[in-house]
Protein backbone atom coordinates (compact mmCIF):
# COMPACT_ATOMS: atom_id res chain seq x y z
CA MET A 1 95.05 54.57 78.51
CA MET A 2 97.18 54.28 80.62
CA ASN A 3 97.57 50.48 81.83
CA ASN A 4 95.67 48.70 84.47
CA SER A 5 98.75 47.78 86.61
CA LEU A 6 100.62 51.62 86.49
CA LYS A 7 96.99 53.35 87.72
CA SER A 8 97.69 51.42 89.97
CA GLN A 9 101.02 52.63 91.71
CA TYR A 10 99.41 56.33 91.67
CA ASN A 11 95.91 54.74 92.77
CA PHE A 12 96.68 57.34 96.22
CA PRO A 13 93.38 57.57 98.70
CA ALA A 14 91.90 61.23 99.72
CA GLY A 15 93.86 62.89 102.42
CA THR A 16 97.14 61.47 101.25
CA ILE A 17 100.01 64.21 101.26
CA VAL A 18 102.17 65.18 98.55
CA SER A 19 104.74 67.39 99.39
CA GLY A 20 107.71 68.77 96.55
CA LYS A 21 110.95 67.36 96.78
CA TRP A 22 112.57 71.12 95.42
CA HIS A 23 109.95 73.74 95.51
CA GLN A 24 108.85 72.25 99.53
CA GLN A 25 104.93 73.05 98.05
CA SER A 26 102.23 70.35 100.44
CA TYR A 27 99.11 69.33 98.56
CA THR A 28 96.24 67.07 99.78
CA LEU A 29 95.07 64.71 97.40
CA ILE A 30 91.15 65.10 97.36
CA LYS A 31 89.74 62.66 94.53
CA GLU A 32 91.03 61.76 91.00
CA LEU A 33 89.98 63.65 88.13
CA GLY A 34 90.81 61.18 85.73
CA TYR A 35 93.68 58.64 83.73
CA GLY A 36 94.91 58.67 80.61
CA ALA A 37 98.40 57.21 78.58
CA ASN A 38 100.79 59.45 80.45
CA GLY A 39 99.62 59.45 83.68
CA ILE A 40 96.71 60.00 86.40
CA VAL A 41 95.43 63.64 87.55
CA TYR A 42 94.21 64.80 90.83
CA LEU A 43 92.29 67.27 92.77
CA ALA A 44 94.55 68.58 95.32
CA ALA A 45 94.45 71.27 98.02
CA GLY A 46 97.38 73.74 97.92
CA ALA A 47 98.10 76.98 98.60
CA GLN A 48 96.01 78.34 95.84
CA GLY A 49 93.11 76.13 96.72
CA ASN A 50 91.12 73.71 94.61
CA VAL A 51 94.32 72.71 92.22
CA ALA A 52 95.47 69.84 89.00
CA LEU A 53 98.28 67.28 90.12
CA LYS A 54 99.13 64.89 87.11
CA PHE A 55 101.53 62.55 88.06
CA SER A 56 103.25 60.16 85.75
CA ASP A 57 106.19 57.45 85.95
CA ASN A 58 107.69 58.71 82.43
CA HIS A 59 109.60 62.41 82.64
CA THR A 60 109.66 62.84 79.23
CA SER A 61 105.74 63.05 79.12
CA ILE A 62 106.08 65.32 82.32
CA THR A 63 108.49 67.47 80.36
CA SER A 64 106.51 68.03 76.75
CA GLU A 65 102.94 68.32 78.88
CA VAL A 66 104.99 71.35 81.15
CA ASN A 67 106.28 72.80 78.10
CA VAL A 68 103.19 72.81 76.21
CA LEU A 69 101.18 74.49 79.52
CA LYS A 70 104.61 77.50 79.50
CA ALA A 71 103.70 78.12 75.44
CA PHE A 72 99.73 77.75 76.47
CA ALA A 73 101.19 81.26 78.49
CA LYS A 74 102.59 82.75 76.00
CA VAL A 75 99.68 82.91 73.47
CA GLN A 76 98.01 86.45 73.96
CA GLY A 77 94.42 86.40 74.77
CA SER A 78 94.18 82.88 74.95
CA ALA A 79 93.05 81.03 78.05
CA LEU A 80 92.70 77.02 75.84
CA GLY A 81 94.46 75.50 78.27
CA PRO A 82 94.65 75.55 82.26
CA SER A 83 98.01 77.84 84.00
CA LEU A 84 100.61 76.19 85.09
CA LEU A 85 101.36 76.21 89.07
CA ASP A 86 104.40 74.18 90.00
CA VAL A 87 106.62 71.20 88.38
CA ASP A 88 108.63 68.75 90.54
CA ASP A 89 109.45 65.13 91.97
CA TRP A 90 107.45 63.43 95.13
CA ALA A 91 109.73 61.50 97.05
CA LYS A 92 107.86 58.34 98.32
CA GLY A 93 109.52 56.38 99.87
CA GLU A 94 112.70 55.19 97.36
CA LYS A 95 111.22 56.37 94.64
CA ASN A 96 110.69 59.63 92.91
CA ILE A 97 107.20 59.86 91.28
CA PRO A 98 107.57 63.04 88.84
CA PHE A 99 104.55 65.49 88.98
CA TYR A 100 103.17 68.88 88.07
CA CYS A 101 100.34 71.63 89.37
CA MET A 102 97.88 73.29 87.64
CA GLU A 103 95.74 75.37 87.49
CA TYR A 104 92.46 73.42 88.46
CA ILE A 105 89.11 74.28 85.83
CA GLU A 106 86.08 73.15 86.74
CA GLY A 107 82.83 73.18 84.91
CA PRO A 108 81.06 70.84 82.68
CA ASP A 109 82.09 68.87 79.84
CA LEU A 110 81.13 70.51 76.14
CA LEU A 111 78.12 68.04 75.79
CA ALA A 112 77.19 68.29 78.94
CA PHE A 113 77.05 72.18 79.09
CA VAL A 114 74.43 72.58 75.52
CA GLN A 115 73.08 69.83 76.45
CA LYS A 116 71.87 71.95 79.48
CA LYS A 117 71.97 75.23 77.95
CA GLY A 118 70.79 74.47 74.32
CA ALA A 119 71.63 74.16 70.78
CA SER A 120 72.19 78.20 70.25
CA TRP A 121 75.58 77.60 72.09
CA ARG A 122 76.77 75.63 69.97
CA PRO A 123 78.29 77.55 67.33
CA VAL A 124 78.54 80.23 69.43
CA LEU A 125 81.65 77.92 71.49
CA ILE A 126 82.64 76.77 68.21
CA LEU A 127 83.29 80.46 67.80
CA GLN A 128 84.96 80.41 71.30
CA LEU A 129 87.09 77.76 70.47
CA LEU A 130 88.27 78.28 66.31
CA LYS A 131 89.79 81.54 68.45
CA ASP A 132 92.14 80.14 70.67
CA LEU A 133 92.97 77.67 67.62
CA GLU A 134 93.96 80.27 65.59
CA ARG A 135 95.85 82.05 68.15
CA LEU A 136 97.50 78.25 69.14
CA HIS A 137 98.32 77.42 65.74
CA GLN A 138 100.05 80.48 65.02
CA SER A 139 102.57 80.18 68.06
CA GLY A 140 103.24 77.16 66.51
CA TRP A 141 101.49 74.19 68.05
CA VAL A 142 97.96 71.94 67.29
CA PHE A 143 95.78 70.65 69.81
CA GLY A 144 96.44 67.07 68.24
CA ASP A 145 93.71 65.41 70.61
CA LEU A 146 90.54 67.99 70.13
CA LYS A 147 87.39 66.39 71.96
CA PRO A 148 84.48 67.80 74.04
CA GLU A 149 85.97 65.52 76.87
CA ASN A 150 88.70 67.36 77.00
CA LEU A 151 86.76 70.63 76.29
CA ILE A 152 85.66 72.11 79.32
CA VAL A 153 82.70 75.55 79.26
CA THR A 154 83.82 77.85 82.88
CA GLY A 155 82.70 80.98 83.88
CA PRO A 156 80.59 83.07 83.62
CA PRO A 157 80.85 84.69 81.26
CA PRO A 158 80.53 80.96 79.59
CA THR A 159 84.43 80.78 78.02
CA ILE A 160 85.53 77.11 76.17
CA ARG A 161 88.85 76.38 78.28
CA CYS A 162 90.85 72.57 78.13
CA ILE A 163 91.63 70.15 81.18
CA ASP A 164 94.36 67.95 79.04
CA VAL A 165 96.92 68.77 76.76
CA GLY A 166 98.43 65.18 76.55
CA GLY A 167 98.20 65.31 72.58
CA THR A 168 99.33 69.01 71.78
CA THR A 169 102.15 68.69 69.14
CA ILE A 170 104.73 71.51 67.92
CA GLN A 171 103.57 71.67 63.86
CA GLY A 172 104.87 69.63 61.09
CA ARG A 173 105.95 66.67 63.64
CA ALA A 174 103.40 63.22 63.74
CA ILE A 175 100.57 63.96 66.09
CA LYS A 176 101.27 62.08 69.41
CA GLU A 177 97.40 61.84 70.95
CA PHE A 178 93.97 61.48 68.77
CA THR A 179 90.67 59.78 69.45
CA GLU A 180 89.21 57.78 67.15
CA PHE A 181 85.57 59.32 66.59
CA PHE A 182 87.85 63.48 66.03
CA ASP A 183 91.00 61.62 63.94
CA ARG A 184 90.78 63.00 60.32
CA GLY A 185 93.87 60.03 59.71
CA TYR A 186 90.49 57.21 61.35
CA TRP A 187 88.35 58.76 58.58
CA GLY A 188 90.81 58.25 55.83
CA ALA A 189 90.12 62.13 55.10
CA GLY A 190 94.28 62.71 55.63
CA SER A 191 96.83 62.22 57.74
CA ARG A 192 98.20 62.34 60.79
CA LYS A 193 101.16 65.49 60.36
CA ALA A 194 100.47 68.15 62.80
CA GLU A 195 99.20 70.40 61.10
CA PRO A 196 96.02 73.62 61.67
CA ALA A 197 94.36 71.18 59.03
CA TYR A 198 93.95 67.92 61.85
CA ASP A 199 92.40 70.45 64.89
CA LEU A 200 90.06 72.07 62.38
CA PHE A 201 88.31 68.63 60.96
CA ALA A 202 88.45 67.64 64.57
CA ALA A 203 86.32 70.93 65.81
CA ALA A 204 83.90 70.46 62.75
CA MET A 205 83.76 66.60 64.06
CA ILE A 206 82.81 68.28 67.11
CA MET A 207 79.99 69.79 65.65
CA VAL A 208 78.97 66.79 64.56
CA ASN A 209 79.16 65.27 67.87
CA MET A 210 77.25 67.93 69.82
CA ALA A 211 74.10 67.52 67.15
CA ILE A 212 74.16 63.76 67.33
CA PRO A 213 75.81 62.57 70.90
CA LYS A 214 76.09 59.09 70.19
CA ARG A 215 78.92 58.37 68.33
CA PHE A 216 79.00 55.95 65.18
CA SER A 217 81.92 54.06 63.54
CA LYS A 218 83.24 54.53 59.92
CA ARG A 219 81.46 52.67 57.27
CA GLY A 220 83.21 52.25 53.66
CA ASN A 221 84.49 56.19 52.60
CA GLY A 222 84.69 57.65 55.74
CA LEU A 223 84.43 60.96 54.47
CA THR A 224 81.10 60.24 52.36
CA GLN A 225 79.65 59.10 55.11
CA ILE A 226 80.27 62.03 57.12
CA LEU A 227 79.15 64.66 54.80
CA ASP A 228 75.86 62.49 53.71
CA VAL A 229 75.11 62.58 58.06
CA VAL A 230 75.98 66.55 57.86
CA HIS A 231 73.75 66.92 54.93
CA LYS A 232 70.34 65.04 56.23
CA ASN A 233 70.84 66.09 59.63
CA ASN A 234 68.40 69.27 59.99
CA GLU A 235 70.58 70.99 63.18
CA LEU A 236 73.72 70.85 60.96
CA SER A 237 72.46 71.68 57.42
CA PRO A 238 72.57 74.75 58.09
CA TYR A 239 76.33 74.90 58.62
CA LYS A 240 77.59 72.34 55.82
CA GLY A 241 78.76 74.56 53.73
CA VAL A 242 82.02 75.22 56.51
CA LEU A 243 82.10 71.78 58.19
CA SER A 244 82.43 70.59 54.87
CA LYS A 245 85.51 72.38 53.91
CA ALA A 246 86.66 71.46 57.52
CA LEU A 247 86.14 68.24 56.78
CA LYS A 248 87.90 68.27 53.41
CA GLY A 249 90.74 70.04 54.94
CA GLU A 250 89.91 73.44 52.48
CA TYR A 251 90.83 75.53 55.24
CA ARG A 252 93.80 77.83 55.38
CA SER A 253 93.62 78.12 59.42
CA ALA A 254 91.25 78.55 61.83
CA GLY A 255 90.22 82.01 61.23
CA GLU A 256 89.27 81.44 58.05
CA MET A 257 86.53 79.22 58.80
CA ARG A 258 85.42 81.57 62.18
CA GLU A 259 85.04 83.85 59.32
CA GLU A 260 82.98 81.32 57.28
CA LEU A 261 80.99 80.19 60.12
CA LEU A 262 79.81 84.09 61.51
CA LEU A 263 78.74 84.65 58.30
CA ASP A 264 76.54 80.86 58.38
CA ILE A 265 75.24 81.75 62.04
CA ALA A 266 74.35 85.27 61.08
CA SER A 267 72.09 84.16 57.83
CA THR A 268 70.16 80.86 59.94
CA PRO A 269 66.50 81.83 60.42
CA ARG A 270 65.86 82.12 64.26
CA PRO A 271 62.30 81.40 65.42
CA GLN A 272 60.47 84.90 66.83
CA PRO A 273 58.87 85.04 69.42
CA ARG A 274 55.21 85.78 69.82
CA MET A 275 52.42 86.46 72.43
CA ASP A 276 50.31 83.56 73.37
CA THR A 277 46.84 85.37 74.21
CA SER A 278 45.72 81.65 75.66
CA ARG A 279 48.55 81.87 78.52
CA ASN A 280 48.98 86.16 78.48
CA ARG A 281 53.15 84.77 77.70
CA TYR A 282 55.09 85.10 74.89
CA THR A 283 56.24 80.97 73.52
CA ARG A 284 58.59 80.41 70.38
CA ASN A 285 55.96 78.67 68.65
CA VAL A 286 55.25 78.96 65.41
CA PRO A 287 52.36 81.34 64.46
CA ASN A 288 48.99 79.52 63.50
CA LYS A 289 48.67 79.59 60.08
CA PRO A 290 46.19 81.67 58.87
CA SER A 291 42.55 81.18 56.84
CA SER A 292 42.81 80.57 52.82
CA ARG A 293 40.20 83.98 53.44
CA GLN A 294 42.93 85.85 55.63
CA GLN A 295 45.39 85.11 52.41
CA LYS A 296 42.99 86.30 50.09
CA TYR A 297 42.60 89.58 51.73
CA HIS A 298 46.40 89.94 52.66
CA GLN A 299 47.03 89.13 48.92
CA LYS A 300 45.16 92.05 47.90
CA LYS A 301 46.33 94.40 50.51
CA LYS A 302 50.51 93.55 50.00
CA PRO A 303 51.81 96.84 48.79
CA LYS A 304 54.14 96.50 45.30
CA GLY A 305 56.91 97.55 47.54
CA GLY A 306 56.12 94.17 50.03
CA LEU A 307 59.80 92.27 47.74
CA ALA A 308 62.08 94.80 48.88
CA GLU A 309 60.37 95.63 52.45
CA THR A 310 60.58 91.24 52.78
CA VAL A 311 63.86 91.67 51.82
CA LEU A 312 65.27 94.36 54.61
CA ILE A 313 63.22 93.08 57.22
CA ILE A 314 65.28 89.97 56.65
CA LEU A 315 68.36 91.71 56.97
CA ILE A 316 67.61 93.48 59.88
CA VAL A 317 67.19 91.35 62.07
CA ALA A 318 70.30 88.75 60.91
CA ALA A 319 72.69 92.11 61.58
CA LEU A 320 70.77 92.09 65.22
CA TYR A 321 71.28 87.86 65.38
CA PHE A 322 74.82 88.61 64.02
CA LEU A 323 75.52 90.99 67.04
CA TYR A 324 74.30 89.33 69.58
CA ILE A 325 75.88 86.37 68.96
CA TYR A 326 78.99 88.74 68.72
CA GLY A 327 77.92 90.08 72.45
CA GLN A 328 78.67 86.83 74.19
CA LEU A 329 81.89 86.62 72.49
CA LEU A 330 83.19 89.52 74.14
């Protein structure tokens, strides 16, 4: 985290006007959005509307993050990170404070969105994330500090976006920033080398965190502990195959993980609506169990071809659900 003495130097009140020394762009600070190891971010009003300004006393850090945002802009079809709008210095007294201006991404963070909209959005958003990660990895980068706090869901349509690229690292180097719960090094599941498998471990842990909002600490063998949690949790167990491979580093790419997750989603049964005659409307409750006499009647009436018909119905329902999920991603 950014040390407190440094944070106090950048504790600017609302209404402060920041004027760029070189590009002559002016911004009016509205409020602080957050701070971390490399600087502090403010919401500000500029000529383009609301924007986010990041200040730092570290020119190297600013340059690195600006380069990452420029690289993001070159990743075709991806909107994972914010757009870069301006890079400048603020001449405040005798001191030049480096800053950059980026798109302000507004919306709830990933966990807040899922809590409000429902668990059915979990796999949909992870599929979006994996799609963007695949493009980012193909361009030679690894996101690094991947966690729900850094992911905002904006829209409509609901789209997952990132608000902090400080941990993004060129593949092959050491990860610059990480958060223990999402770091495979902390859990003893691999190194902190920047490679696609590092991000995919974090993506799996995000799925765990969405199902279990209260994060837990490592006890004993970290990987065994997480796999045990996945197998015992009813919300995670349908995806245990995908999660296990991601946690063990067995996927070669985000695209491969995404394809297998799609198959798991398509094969996961969903509760079907039924008519609640007492309230005269549809509900998603499980139908009442038939009486033993009704069961015997249906057993007698069941046609010989019932098994084939049941399999066909299951396949049709799975296909429809697959198309529904796919439609959410377009």
